[in-house]
Amino acid sequence: MHYFYMFASMALFCIKSNALVNIIAWPESPPPVEQTARMARYIVHTSDWCTISTVNSYNSSTMYPKARVYSFADGIDIFSTGIPYIYASLRDPEIQTLVINNRSSVSVSLAQSDYCRQHNYDPEDPRCGQVILTGQFSFSANTQLISPLVENGTQEYTTARNSLFIRHPAMVYWPKSHHWKIGKLNIQEVQVVDNFGGSKYPSINEYFQATPY
């Protein structure tokens, strides 16, 4: 509770003052590959964008897989939830797809950081770690078509919103008329690729019990 109070206060200050500053300081290197759950949390927490994959439900590509990049956050600095939160418009066709079928995968990679470039790792090199989170999306919306995430004003909603607005300050200024909603992935499987030898699958409990640092 103490951490949440500090986090919420800091977020409110940054948003009200329009301070477009980077207050996040990551460790220089990811954890050892033997610590699979911690590696997954590190990659998720230090990433700013992800690829969300869905089964398309519109136009000529109906029932085909489709992926799109979204900004996301699971927290800031030492505050990490492990849950990918997004800020998305209900006008977005991919979000409309998630309304119809909320099963999805979220992929994140160290390729977006300096780590892989510094070590000359190609993005497909397994040592350039990546995480695939699979589950079901839910959104903060008052509609029978979408499972509610949390109602406005609750602790989770406030935490998610502040995380997103601090990590992605431009979101504060996006047009309100686009009906932005906060969504989260309810994680059912964690897949980690961070070394030679194939994928690893930490349990959900292991994932949430681990910390990024």
N, C-alpha and C. Protein backbone atom coordinates (compact mmCIF):
# COMPACT_ATOMS: atom_id res chain seq x y z
N MET A 1 0.82 -1.19 0.00
CA MET A 1 0.00 0.00 0.00
C MET A 1 0.87 1.25 0.00
N HIS A 2 1.97 1.21 0.73
CA HIS A 2 2.90 2.34 0.78
C HIS A 2 3.47 2.64 -0.60
N TYR A 3 3.86 1.57 -1.34
CA TYR A 3 4.40 1.76 -2.68
C TYR A 3 3.36 2.37 -3.60
N PHE A 4 2.08 1.88 -3.46
CA PHE A 4 1.04 2.39 -4.34
C PHE A 4 0.81 3.88 -4.10
N TYR A 5 0.81 4.28 -2.82
CA TYR A 5 0.60 5.69 -2.51
C TYR A 5 1.70 6.55 -3.13
N MET A 6 2.95 6.11 -2.99
CA MET A 6 4.06 6.86 -3.57
C MET A 6 3.93 6.93 -5.08
N PHE A 7 3.56 5.79 -5.69
CA PHE A 7 3.45 5.70 -7.14
C PHE A 7 2.34 6.61 -7.65
N ALA A 8 1.16 6.54 -7.00
CA ALA A 8 0.03 7.34 -7.45
C ALA A 8 0.32 8.83 -7.30
N SER A 9 0.96 9.21 -6.20
CA SER A 9 1.29 10.61 -5.99
C SER A 9 2.27 11.11 -7.04
N MET A 10 3.28 10.31 -7.34
CA MET A 10 4.27 10.69 -8.33
C MET A 10 3.63 10.81 -9.70
N ALA A 11 2.71 9.88 -10.02
CA ALA A 11 2.04 9.91 -11.32
C ALA A 11 1.20 11.16 -11.45
N LEU A 12 0.45 11.49 -10.39
CA LEU A 12 -0.39 12.67 -10.42
C LEU A 12 0.43 13.93 -10.63
N PHE A 13 1.57 14.01 -9.96
CA PHE A 13 2.45 15.17 -10.11
C PHE A 13 2.94 15.30 -11.54
N CYS A 14 3.38 14.18 -12.12
CA CYS A 14 3.94 14.23 -13.48
C CYS A 14 2.88 14.61 -14.50
N ILE A 15 1.65 14.06 -14.31
CA ILE A 15 0.60 14.33 -15.28
C ILE A 15 0.14 15.78 -15.18
N LYS A 16 -0.06 16.28 -13.95
CA LYS A 16 -0.55 17.64 -13.78
C LYS A 16 0.47 18.67 -14.23
N SER A 17 1.73 18.35 -14.06
CA SER A 17 2.76 19.32 -14.43
C SER A 17 3.19 19.17 -15.88
N ASN A 18 2.55 18.20 -16.60
CA ASN A 18 2.91 17.94 -18.00
C ASN A 18 4.40 17.68 -18.15
N ALA A 19 4.97 17.04 -17.15
CA ALA A 19 6.42 16.78 -17.19
C ALA A 19 6.69 15.58 -18.06
N LEU A 20 7.19 15.82 -19.27
CA LEU A 20 7.47 14.73 -20.19
C LEU A 20 8.89 14.25 -19.93
N VAL A 21 9.07 13.62 -18.80
CA VAL A 21 10.41 13.22 -18.40
C VAL A 21 10.47 11.72 -18.25
N ASN A 22 11.64 11.18 -18.41
CA ASN A 22 11.85 9.76 -18.23
C ASN A 22 12.34 9.51 -16.81
N ILE A 23 11.45 8.96 -15.98
CA ILE A 23 11.82 8.75 -14.58
C ILE A 23 12.18 7.29 -14.33
N ILE A 24 12.32 6.53 -15.39
CA ILE A 24 12.53 5.10 -15.24
C ILE A 24 14.00 4.76 -15.45
N ALA A 25 14.56 4.03 -14.52
CA ALA A 25 15.96 3.62 -14.61
C ALA A 25 16.05 2.11 -14.54
N TRP A 26 16.34 1.46 -15.67
CA TRP A 26 16.38 0.01 -15.71
C TRP A 26 17.77 -0.50 -15.35
N PRO A 27 17.86 -1.73 -14.86
CA PRO A 27 19.18 -2.37 -14.73
C PRO A 27 19.82 -2.48 -16.10
N GLU A 28 21.14 -2.48 -16.15
CA GLU A 28 21.83 -2.47 -17.43
C GLU A 28 21.65 -3.77 -18.20
N SER A 29 21.50 -4.89 -17.52
CA SER A 29 21.41 -6.19 -18.18
C SER A 29 20.24 -6.99 -17.61
N PRO A 30 19.67 -7.89 -18.42
CA PRO A 30 18.61 -8.76 -17.92
C PRO A 30 19.15 -9.77 -16.92
N PRO A 31 18.28 -10.43 -16.17
CA PRO A 31 18.72 -11.42 -15.19
C PRO A 31 19.29 -12.66 -15.88
N PRO A 32 19.92 -13.57 -15.13
CA PRO A 32 20.45 -14.81 -15.72
C PRO A 32 19.35 -15.64 -16.36
N VAL A 33 19.70 -16.34 -17.43
CA VAL A 33 18.69 -17.12 -18.16
C VAL A 33 18.12 -18.25 -17.32
N GLU A 34 18.82 -18.65 -16.26
CA GLU A 34 18.30 -19.70 -15.38
C GLU A 34 17.08 -19.22 -14.60
N GLN A 35 16.92 -17.92 -14.46
CA GLN A 35 15.80 -17.35 -13.71
C GLN A 35 14.70 -16.96 -14.71
N THR A 36 13.99 -17.98 -15.18
CA THR A 36 13.06 -17.80 -16.29
C THR A 36 11.93 -16.83 -15.98
N ALA A 37 11.28 -17.00 -14.85
CA ALA A 37 10.16 -16.13 -14.51
C ALA A 37 10.62 -14.69 -14.34
N ARG A 38 11.77 -14.52 -13.71
CA ARG A 38 12.31 -13.17 -13.52
C ARG A 38 12.68 -12.55 -14.87
N MET A 39 13.22 -13.36 -15.77
CA MET A 39 13.54 -12.87 -17.11
C MET A 39 12.27 -12.37 -17.80
N ALA A 40 11.19 -13.15 -17.68
CA ALA A 40 9.93 -12.75 -18.31
C ALA A 40 9.45 -11.42 -17.75
N ARG A 41 9.49 -11.27 -16.43
CA ARG A 41 9.04 -10.03 -15.82
C ARG A 41 9.93 -8.85 -16.23
N TYR A 42 11.24 -9.10 -16.35
CA TYR A 42 12.18 -8.05 -16.76
C TYR A 42 11.85 -7.56 -18.16
N ILE A 43 11.66 -8.50 -19.09
CA ILE A 43 11.39 -8.12 -20.48
C ILE A 43 10.08 -7.35 -20.58
N VAL A 44 9.05 -7.83 -19.88
CA VAL A 44 7.76 -7.14 -19.92
C VAL A 44 7.87 -5.74 -19.32
N HIS A 45 8.54 -5.64 -18.18
CA HIS A 45 8.58 -4.36 -17.48
C HIS A 45 9.43 -3.31 -18.19
N THR A 46 10.48 -3.73 -18.87
CA THR A 46 11.37 -2.77 -19.52
C THR A 46 10.97 -2.46 -20.95
N SER A 47 9.91 -3.06 -21.44
CA SER A 47 9.45 -2.81 -22.81
C SER A 47 8.38 -1.73 -22.82
N ASP A 48 8.36 -0.95 -23.89
CA ASP A 48 7.39 0.14 -24.04
C ASP A 48 6.28 -0.19 -25.03
N TRP A 49 6.53 -1.14 -25.91
CA TRP A 49 5.50 -1.51 -26.87
C TRP A 49 5.47 -3.01 -27.07
N CYS A 50 4.36 -3.49 -27.57
CA CYS A 50 4.17 -4.93 -27.75
C CYS A 50 3.43 -5.16 -29.06
N THR A 51 3.39 -6.42 -29.47
CA THR A 51 2.57 -6.83 -30.60
C THR A 51 1.41 -7.65 -30.06
N ILE A 52 0.20 -7.22 -30.36
CA ILE A 52 -1.00 -7.95 -29.93
C ILE A 52 -1.54 -8.72 -31.12
N SER A 53 -1.67 -10.02 -30.96
CA SER A 53 -2.14 -10.90 -32.02
C SER A 53 -3.58 -11.34 -31.74
N THR A 54 -4.40 -11.28 -32.77
CA THR A 54 -5.80 -11.67 -32.65
C THR A 54 -6.19 -12.55 -33.83
N VAL A 55 -7.40 -13.10 -33.77
CA VAL A 55 -7.99 -13.78 -34.92
C VAL A 55 -8.98 -12.79 -35.53
N ASN A 56 -8.68 -12.31 -36.72
CA ASN A 56 -9.42 -11.21 -37.32
C ASN A 56 -10.89 -11.56 -37.54
N SER A 57 -11.75 -10.54 -37.41
CA SER A 57 -13.20 -10.77 -37.53
C SER A 57 -13.87 -9.76 -38.47
N TYR A 58 -13.10 -9.13 -39.37
CA TYR A 58 -13.70 -8.16 -40.27
C TYR A 58 -12.97 -8.15 -41.61
N ASN A 59 -13.64 -7.61 -42.63
CA ASN A 59 -13.11 -7.47 -43.99
C ASN A 59 -12.77 -8.83 -44.60
N SER A 60 -11.92 -8.82 -45.62
CA SER A 60 -11.64 -10.05 -46.37
C SER A 60 -10.72 -11.01 -45.63
N SER A 61 -10.13 -10.55 -44.53
CA SER A 61 -9.20 -11.41 -43.79
C SER A 61 -9.84 -12.04 -42.55
N THR A 62 -11.16 -12.16 -42.56
CA THR A 62 -11.86 -12.77 -41.43
C THR A 62 -11.32 -14.16 -41.15
N MET A 63 -11.09 -14.45 -39.88
CA MET A 63 -10.59 -15.73 -39.37
C MET A 63 -9.11 -15.95 -39.66
N TYR A 64 -8.43 -14.95 -40.19
CA TYR A 64 -6.98 -15.02 -40.35
C TYR A 64 -6.32 -14.38 -39.13
N PRO A 65 -5.13 -14.87 -38.77
CA PRO A 65 -4.42 -14.21 -37.67
C PRO A 65 -3.95 -12.82 -38.09
N LYS A 66 -3.95 -11.90 -37.13
CA LYS A 66 -3.54 -10.54 -37.41
C LYS A 66 -2.83 -9.98 -36.18
N ALA A 67 -1.80 -9.17 -36.41
CA ALA A 67 -1.03 -8.60 -35.31
C ALA A 67 -0.82 -7.11 -35.53
N ARG A 68 -0.78 -6.37 -34.43
CA ARG A 68 -0.56 -4.93 -34.51
C ARG A 68 0.21 -4.47 -33.27
N VAL A 69 1.01 -3.42 -33.45
CA VAL A 69 1.82 -2.87 -32.36
C VAL A 69 0.99 -1.91 -31.52
N TYR A 70 1.13 -2.04 -30.19
CA TYR A 70 0.48 -1.13 -29.25
C TYR A 70 1.47 -0.72 -28.17
N SER A 71 1.35 0.51 -27.72
CA SER A 71 2.08 0.93 -26.53
C SER A 71 1.44 0.28 -25.31
N PHE A 72 2.27 -0.04 -24.31
CA PHE A 72 1.70 -0.66 -23.11
C PHE A 72 2.58 -0.32 -21.92
N ALA A 73 2.12 -0.68 -20.74
CA ALA A 73 2.89 -0.51 -19.51
C ALA A 73 2.39 -1.51 -18.48
N ASP A 74 3.30 -1.97 -17.65
CA ASP A 74 2.91 -2.82 -16.51
C ASP A 74 3.24 -2.14 -15.19
N GLY A 75 3.66 -0.88 -15.26
CA GLY A 75 4.05 -0.14 -14.07
C GLY A 75 5.21 0.78 -14.42
N ILE A 76 5.75 1.45 -13.40
CA ILE A 76 6.90 2.32 -13.61
C ILE A 76 7.97 2.03 -12.57
N ASP A 77 9.21 2.27 -12.93
CA ASP A 77 10.35 2.19 -12.03
C ASP A 77 10.30 0.89 -11.21
N ILE A 78 10.28 0.98 -9.88
CA ILE A 78 10.29 -0.23 -9.05
C ILE A 78 8.90 -0.84 -8.94
N PHE A 79 7.89 -0.17 -9.45
CA PHE A 79 6.52 -0.66 -9.35
C PHE A 79 6.19 -1.45 -10.61
N SER A 80 6.06 -2.76 -10.50
CA SER A 80 5.79 -3.63 -11.64
C SER A 80 4.67 -4.60 -11.28
N THR A 81 3.67 -4.69 -12.15
CA THR A 81 2.57 -5.62 -11.91
C THR A 81 2.72 -6.92 -12.69
N GLY A 82 3.47 -6.88 -13.82
CA GLY A 82 3.56 -8.04 -14.69
C GLY A 82 2.40 -8.14 -15.66
N ILE A 83 1.41 -7.27 -15.50
CA ILE A 83 0.21 -7.29 -16.35
C ILE A 83 0.34 -6.23 -17.43
N PRO A 84 0.23 -6.60 -18.71
CA PRO A 84 0.29 -5.59 -19.77
C PRO A 84 -1.03 -4.83 -19.88
N TYR A 85 -0.96 -3.53 -19.65
CA TYR A 85 -2.12 -2.65 -19.80
C TYR A 85 -1.95 -1.83 -21.07
N ILE A 86 -3.04 -1.64 -21.81
CA ILE A 86 -3.01 -0.82 -23.01
C ILE A 86 -4.07 0.27 -22.90
N TYR A 87 -3.92 1.29 -23.74
CA TYR A 87 -4.87 2.41 -23.82
C TYR A 87 -5.34 2.44 -25.26
N ALA A 88 -6.55 1.99 -25.52
CA ALA A 88 -6.98 1.75 -26.89
C ALA A 88 -8.37 2.32 -27.14
N SER A 89 -8.63 2.61 -28.41
CA SER A 89 -9.90 3.19 -28.81
C SER A 89 -10.86 2.10 -29.27
N LEU A 90 -12.13 2.23 -28.89
CA LEU A 90 -13.14 1.28 -29.35
C LEU A 90 -13.42 1.44 -30.84
N ARG A 91 -12.88 2.50 -31.46
CA ARG A 91 -13.00 2.65 -32.91
C ARG A 91 -11.97 1.80 -33.66
N ASP A 92 -11.00 1.30 -32.95
CA ASP A 92 -9.92 0.51 -33.53
C ASP A 92 -10.47 -0.86 -33.96
N PRO A 93 -10.32 -1.25 -35.24
CA PRO A 93 -10.82 -2.54 -35.69
C PRO A 93 -10.25 -3.73 -34.91
N GLU A 94 -8.97 -3.64 -34.52
CA GLU A 94 -8.39 -4.75 -33.76
C GLU A 94 -9.02 -4.86 -32.37
N ILE A 95 -9.36 -3.73 -31.78
CA ILE A 95 -10.03 -3.76 -30.48
C ILE A 95 -11.46 -4.28 -30.65
N GLN A 96 -12.11 -3.91 -31.74
CA GLN A 96 -13.44 -4.45 -32.03
C GLN A 96 -13.38 -5.97 -32.19
N THR A 97 -12.27 -6.45 -32.77
CA THR A 97 -12.08 -7.90 -32.88
C THR A 97 -12.00 -8.53 -31.50
N LEU A 98 -11.27 -7.88 -30.58
CA LEU A 98 -11.15 -8.41 -29.22
C LEU A 98 -12.46 -8.38 -28.47
N VAL A 99 -13.39 -7.51 -28.88
CA VAL A 99 -14.72 -7.50 -28.29
C VAL A 99 -15.45 -8.79 -28.65
N ILE A 100 -15.28 -9.23 -29.89
CA ILE A 100 -15.96 -10.43 -30.37
C ILE A 100 -15.27 -11.69 -29.86
N ASN A 101 -13.94 -11.69 -29.91
CA ASN A 101 -13.15 -12.84 -29.46
C ASN A 101 -11.95 -12.31 -28.69
N ASN A 102 -12.00 -12.38 -27.37
CA ASN A 102 -10.97 -11.73 -26.55
C ASN A 102 -9.72 -12.57 -26.34
N ARG A 103 -9.64 -13.73 -26.97
CA ARG A 103 -8.43 -14.54 -26.87
C ARG A 103 -7.32 -13.89 -27.69
N SER A 104 -6.14 -13.78 -27.08
CA SER A 104 -5.07 -13.01 -27.72
C SER A 104 -3.72 -13.40 -27.16
N SER A 105 -2.67 -12.98 -27.88
CA SER A 105 -1.29 -13.12 -27.40
C SER A 105 -0.61 -11.76 -27.48
N VAL A 106 0.22 -11.48 -26.48
CA VAL A 106 1.01 -10.26 -26.42
C VAL A 106 2.48 -10.64 -26.48
N SER A 107 3.21 -10.14 -27.46
CA SER A 107 4.63 -10.47 -27.63
C SER A 107 5.48 -9.23 -27.38
N VAL A 108 6.54 -9.40 -26.58
CA VAL A 108 7.49 -8.32 -26.31
C VAL A 108 8.90 -8.87 -26.45
N SER A 109 9.85 -8.00 -26.79
CA SER A 109 11.20 -8.46 -27.07
C SER A 109 12.23 -7.44 -26.60
N LEU A 110 13.38 -7.96 -26.18
CA LEU A 110 14.51 -7.09 -25.83
C LEU A 110 15.09 -6.39 -27.06
N ALA A 111 14.63 -6.77 -28.25
CA ALA A 111 15.11 -6.14 -29.47
C ALA A 111 14.80 -4.65 -29.49
N GLN A 112 13.80 -4.22 -28.73
CA GLN A 112 13.47 -2.79 -28.69
C GLN A 112 14.37 -2.01 -27.73
N SER A 113 15.22 -2.72 -26.99
CA SER A 113 16.15 -2.06 -26.07
C SER A 113 17.53 -1.97 -26.71
N ASP A 114 18.48 -1.43 -25.98
CA ASP A 114 19.86 -1.35 -26.47
C ASP A 114 20.63 -2.66 -26.24
N TYR A 115 20.08 -3.54 -25.42
CA TYR A 115 20.82 -4.74 -25.02
C TYR A 115 21.23 -5.59 -26.21
N CYS A 116 20.29 -5.89 -27.10
CA CYS A 116 20.60 -6.77 -28.24
C CYS A 116 21.55 -6.10 -29.23
N ARG A 117 21.39 -4.81 -29.44
CA ARG A 117 22.30 -4.09 -30.34
C ARG A 117 23.72 -4.07 -29.77
N GLN A 118 23.83 -3.86 -28.48
CA GLN A 118 25.15 -3.82 -27.86
C GLN A 118 25.87 -5.16 -27.94
N HIS A 119 25.10 -6.26 -27.94
CA HIS A 119 25.69 -7.59 -28.02
C HIS A 119 25.66 -8.17 -29.43
N ASN A 120 25.23 -7.33 -30.39
CA ASN A 120 25.18 -7.75 -31.79
C ASN A 120 24.28 -8.97 -31.97
N TYR A 121 23.15 -9.00 -31.25
CA TYR A 121 22.18 -10.07 -31.38
C TYR A 121 21.10 -9.66 -32.37
N ASP A 122 20.88 -10.47 -33.38
CA ASP A 122 19.76 -10.26 -34.28
C ASP A 122 18.46 -10.43 -33.49
N PRO A 123 17.38 -9.72 -33.85
CA PRO A 123 16.13 -9.88 -33.11
C PRO A 123 15.62 -11.32 -33.04
N GLU A 124 15.98 -12.15 -34.04
CA GLU A 124 15.54 -13.55 -34.01
C GLU A 124 16.47 -14.44 -33.21
N ASP A 125 17.65 -13.96 -32.87
CA ASP A 125 18.58 -14.71 -32.03
C ASP A 125 17.90 -14.98 -30.68
N PRO A 126 17.82 -16.24 -30.26
CA PRO A 126 17.13 -16.52 -28.99
C PRO A 126 17.73 -15.81 -27.79
N ARG A 127 18.99 -15.41 -27.89
CA ARG A 127 19.61 -14.68 -26.77
C ARG A 127 19.09 -13.25 -26.66
N CYS A 128 18.44 -12.78 -27.71
CA CYS A 128 17.73 -11.51 -27.66
C CYS A 128 16.32 -11.83 -27.16
N GLY A 129 16.18 -11.89 -25.84
CA GLY A 129 15.01 -12.50 -25.22
C GLY A 129 13.67 -11.92 -25.64
N GLN A 130 12.69 -12.81 -25.69
CA GLN A 130 11.33 -12.39 -25.97
C GLN A 130 10.35 -13.20 -25.13
N VAL A 131 9.20 -12.61 -24.90
CA VAL A 131 8.15 -13.22 -24.08
C VAL A 131 6.84 -13.17 -24.84
N ILE A 132 6.11 -14.27 -24.83
CA ILE A 132 4.77 -14.33 -25.41
C ILE A 132 3.80 -14.65 -24.29
N LEU A 133 2.91 -13.71 -24.01
CA LEU A 133 1.87 -13.88 -23.00
C LEU A 133 0.56 -14.17 -23.70
N THR A 134 -0.09 -15.25 -23.34
CA THR A 134 -1.35 -15.65 -23.97
C THR A 134 -2.47 -15.63 -22.94
N GLY A 135 -3.63 -15.14 -23.35
CA GLY A 135 -4.75 -15.08 -22.42
C GLY A 135 -5.95 -14.41 -23.05
N GLN A 136 -6.73 -13.73 -22.22
CA GLN A 136 -7.95 -13.07 -22.67
C GLN A 136 -7.92 -11.59 -22.26
N PHE A 137 -8.31 -10.74 -23.20
CA PHE A 137 -8.34 -9.30 -22.92
C PHE A 137 -9.67 -8.89 -22.30
N SER A 138 -9.61 -7.90 -21.43
CA SER A 138 -10.82 -7.26 -20.91
C SER A 138 -10.58 -5.76 -20.87
N PHE A 139 -11.66 -4.99 -20.91
CA PHE A 139 -11.57 -3.54 -21.04
C PHE A 139 -12.45 -2.84 -20.01
N SER A 140 -12.11 -1.60 -19.74
CA SER A 140 -12.90 -0.77 -18.83
C SER A 140 -13.98 -0.07 -19.65
N ALA A 141 -15.10 -0.75 -19.83
CA ALA A 141 -16.16 -0.19 -20.66
C ALA A 141 -17.52 -0.62 -20.12
N ASN A 142 -18.48 0.28 -20.23
CA ASN A 142 -19.84 -0.03 -19.82
C ASN A 142 -20.64 -0.52 -21.02
N THR A 143 -20.40 -1.74 -21.40
CA THR A 143 -21.12 -2.35 -22.50
C THR A 143 -21.22 -3.84 -22.26
N GLN A 144 -22.30 -4.43 -22.72
CA GLN A 144 -22.50 -5.86 -22.52
C GLN A 144 -21.57 -6.68 -23.38
N LEU A 145 -20.94 -6.05 -24.37
CA LEU A 145 -20.09 -6.80 -25.29
C LEU A 145 -18.68 -6.99 -24.76
N ILE A 146 -18.30 -6.19 -23.75
CA ILE A 146 -16.94 -6.24 -23.26
C ILE A 146 -16.94 -6.56 -21.78
N SER A 147 -16.12 -7.53 -21.36
CA SER A 147 -15.99 -7.83 -19.94
C SER A 147 -15.32 -6.66 -19.25
N PRO A 148 -15.92 -6.11 -18.18
CA PRO A 148 -15.31 -4.96 -17.51
C PRO A 148 -13.95 -5.32 -16.93
N LEU A 149 -13.00 -4.42 -17.10
CA LEU A 149 -11.70 -4.55 -16.44
C LEU A 149 -11.85 -4.13 -15.00
N VAL A 150 -12.05 -2.89 -14.78
CA VAL A 150 -12.34 -2.31 -13.47
C VAL A 150 -13.08 -1.01 -13.72
N GLU A 151 -13.86 -0.58 -12.78
CA GLU A 151 -14.58 0.68 -12.95
C GLU A 151 -13.65 1.86 -12.68
N ASN A 152 -13.96 2.96 -13.32
CA ASN A 152 -13.18 4.18 -13.13
C ASN A 152 -13.14 4.56 -11.65
N GLY A 153 -11.95 4.90 -11.17
CA GLY A 153 -11.80 5.31 -9.78
C GLY A 153 -11.30 4.22 -8.86
N THR A 154 -11.27 2.98 -9.31
CA THR A 154 -10.76 1.91 -8.47
C THR A 154 -9.23 1.92 -8.50
N GLN A 155 -8.63 1.19 -7.57
CA GLN A 155 -7.17 1.21 -7.46
C GLN A 155 -6.51 0.67 -8.71
N GLU A 156 -7.01 -0.44 -9.27
CA GLU A 156 -6.37 -1.01 -10.45
C GLU A 156 -6.49 -0.06 -11.64
N TYR A 157 -7.65 0.54 -11.82
CA TYR A 157 -7.84 1.47 -12.93
C TYR A 157 -6.86 2.64 -12.81
N THR A 158 -6.76 3.21 -11.62
CA THR A 158 -5.87 4.34 -11.41
C THR A 158 -4.42 3.96 -11.62
N THR A 159 -4.03 2.78 -11.11
CA THR A 159 -2.66 2.31 -11.29
C THR A 159 -2.34 2.10 -12.77
N ALA A 160 -3.25 1.47 -13.49
CA ALA A 160 -3.03 1.21 -14.92
C ALA A 160 -2.94 2.52 -15.70
N ARG A 161 -3.87 3.43 -15.44
CA ARG A 161 -3.88 4.71 -16.15
C ARG A 161 -2.60 5.51 -15.89
N ASN A 162 -2.20 5.59 -14.63
CA ASN A 162 -1.00 6.35 -14.30
C ASN A 162 0.25 5.73 -14.91
N SER A 163 0.33 4.40 -14.91
CA SER A 163 1.46 3.71 -15.54
C SER A 163 1.55 4.07 -17.01
N LEU A 164 0.41 4.02 -17.70
CA LEU A 164 0.39 4.31 -19.13
C LEU A 164 0.73 5.76 -19.41
N PHE A 165 0.18 6.68 -18.64
CA PHE A 165 0.40 8.11 -18.91
C PHE A 165 1.81 8.55 -18.58
N ILE A 166 2.46 7.89 -17.64
CA ILE A 166 3.85 8.24 -17.33
C ILE A 166 4.80 7.62 -18.35
N ARG A 167 4.56 6.38 -18.71
CA ARG A 167 5.43 5.73 -19.70
C ARG A 167 5.21 6.30 -21.09
N HIS A 168 3.99 6.77 -21.37
CA HIS A 168 3.63 7.28 -22.70
C HIS A 168 2.90 8.62 -22.53
N PRO A 169 3.64 9.70 -22.26
CA PRO A 169 3.02 10.99 -21.94
C PRO A 169 2.09 11.53 -23.02
N ALA A 170 2.32 11.17 -24.27
CA ALA A 170 1.47 11.68 -25.36
C ALA A 170 0.03 11.24 -25.20
N MET A 171 -0.19 10.12 -24.52
CA MET A 171 -1.55 9.59 -24.36
C MET A 171 -2.48 10.59 -23.68
N VAL A 172 -1.91 11.40 -22.80
CA VAL A 172 -2.71 12.38 -22.07
C VAL A 172 -3.44 13.32 -23.02
N TYR A 173 -2.85 13.57 -24.19
CA TYR A 173 -3.37 14.56 -25.13
C TYR A 173 -4.13 13.94 -26.30
N TRP A 174 -4.30 12.64 -26.31
CA TRP A 174 -5.05 12.02 -27.40
C TRP A 174 -6.52 12.45 -27.35
N PRO A 175 -7.19 12.61 -28.50
CA PRO A 175 -8.56 13.14 -28.54
C PRO A 175 -9.53 12.30 -27.70
N LYS A 176 -10.23 12.96 -26.78
CA LYS A 176 -11.16 12.26 -25.90
C LYS A 176 -12.33 11.65 -26.69
N SER A 177 -12.63 12.22 -27.85
CA SER A 177 -13.76 11.76 -28.65
C SER A 177 -13.57 10.36 -29.22
N HIS A 178 -12.36 9.82 -29.11
CA HIS A 178 -12.09 8.49 -29.66
C HIS A 178 -12.45 7.36 -28.70
N HIS A 179 -13.01 7.72 -27.55
CA HIS A 179 -13.51 6.71 -26.60
C HIS A 179 -12.42 5.74 -26.16
N TRP A 180 -11.37 6.28 -25.58
CA TRP A 180 -10.25 5.45 -25.13
C TRP A 180 -10.64 4.62 -23.91
N LYS A 181 -10.20 3.38 -23.91
CA LYS A 181 -10.45 2.47 -22.80
C LYS A 181 -9.14 1.84 -22.37
N ILE A 182 -9.06 1.49 -21.11
CA ILE A 182 -7.90 0.75 -20.61
C ILE A 182 -8.21 -0.73 -20.69
N GLY A 183 -7.30 -1.47 -21.29
CA GLY A 183 -7.46 -2.91 -21.40
C GLY A 183 -6.31 -3.64 -20.75
N LYS A 184 -6.54 -4.87 -20.37
CA LYS A 184 -5.46 -5.68 -19.82
C LYS A 184 -5.60 -7.11 -20.32
N LEU A 185 -4.46 -7.79 -20.37
CA LEU A 185 -4.46 -9.20 -20.71
C LEU A 185 -4.52 -10.01 -19.44
N ASN A 186 -5.53 -10.86 -19.33
CA ASN A 186 -5.63 -11.81 -18.23
C ASN A 186 -4.80 -13.04 -18.62
N ILE A 187 -3.60 -13.12 -18.08
CA ILE A 187 -2.58 -14.06 -18.57
C ILE A 187 -2.91 -15.50 -18.17
N GLN A 188 -2.84 -16.40 -19.16
CA GLN A 188 -3.07 -17.82 -18.92
C GLN A 188 -1.83 -18.66 -19.22
N GLU A 189 -0.90 -18.11 -20.00
CA GLU A 189 0.33 -18.85 -20.33
C GLU A 189 1.46 -17.85 -20.55
N VAL A 190 2.65 -18.24 -20.09
CA VAL A 190 3.85 -17.43 -20.27
C VAL A 190 4.89 -18.26 -21.02
N GLN A 191 5.33 -17.78 -22.16
CA GLN A 191 6.36 -18.45 -22.96
C GLN A 191 7.58 -17.54 -23.05
N VAL A 192 8.75 -18.09 -22.74
CA VAL A 192 9.98 -17.31 -22.74
C VAL A 192 10.98 -17.94 -23.71
N VAL A 193 11.55 -17.12 -24.58
CA VAL A 193 12.65 -17.53 -25.45
C VAL A 193 13.82 -16.60 -25.14
N ASP A 194 14.86 -17.12 -24.47
CA ASP A 194 15.97 -16.25 -24.08
C ASP A 194 17.34 -16.90 -24.23
N ASN A 195 17.36 -18.11 -24.83
CA ASN A 195 18.64 -18.81 -25.00
C ASN A 195 18.43 -19.97 -25.97
N PHE A 196 19.53 -20.60 -26.37
CA PHE A 196 19.43 -21.78 -27.21
C PHE A 196 18.82 -22.93 -26.40
N GLY A 197 18.07 -23.80 -27.09
CA GLY A 197 17.50 -24.95 -26.41
C GLY A 197 15.99 -24.97 -26.34
N GLY A 198 15.33 -23.99 -26.93
CA GLY A 198 13.87 -24.01 -26.99
C GLY A 198 13.20 -23.10 -25.97
N SER A 199 11.89 -23.04 -26.08
CA SER A 199 11.09 -22.18 -25.21
C SER A 199 10.99 -22.75 -23.80
N LYS A 200 10.73 -21.84 -22.86
CA LYS A 200 10.50 -22.22 -21.47
C LYS A 200 9.15 -21.65 -21.03
N TYR A 201 8.49 -22.35 -20.12
CA TYR A 201 7.13 -21.99 -19.73
C TYR A 201 7.00 -21.92 -18.20
N PRO A 202 7.37 -20.80 -17.59
CA PRO A 202 7.14 -20.68 -16.15
C PRO A 202 5.64 -20.67 -15.86
N SER A 203 5.27 -21.15 -14.69
CA SER A 203 3.86 -21.15 -14.32
C SER A 203 3.39 -19.72 -14.06
N ILE A 204 2.08 -19.54 -14.04
CA ILE A 204 1.53 -18.22 -13.77
C ILE A 204 1.94 -17.75 -12.38
N ASN A 205 1.92 -18.66 -11.40
CA ASN A 205 2.34 -18.29 -10.04
C ASN A 205 3.80 -17.86 -10.01
N GLU A 206 4.66 -18.61 -10.70
CA GLU A 206 6.08 -18.25 -10.75
C GLU A 206 6.27 -16.88 -11.38
N TYR A 207 5.51 -16.62 -12.42
CA TYR A 207 5.62 -15.34 -13.12
C TYR A 207 5.27 -14.17 -12.21
N PHE A 208 4.15 -14.27 -11.52
CA PHE A 208 3.71 -13.15 -10.69
C PHE A 208 4.47 -13.05 -9.38
N GLN A 209 5.08 -14.13 -8.94
CA GLN A 209 5.88 -14.07 -7.71
C GLN A 209 7.27 -13.50 -7.97
N ALA A 210 7.72 -13.54 -9.22
CA ALA A 210 9.04 -13.01 -9.57
C ALA A 210 9.00 -11.49 -9.63
N THR A 211 10.18 -10.88 -9.59
CA THR A 211 10.30 -9.43 -9.76
C THR A 211 11.28 -9.17 -10.90
N PRO A 212 11.20 -8.01 -11.54
CA PRO A 212 12.09 -7.74 -12.68
C PRO A 212 13.54 -7.54 -12.29
N TYR A 213 13.84 -7.28 -10.98
CA TYR A 213 15.18 -6.87 -10.59
C TYR A 213 15.83 -7.88 -9.66
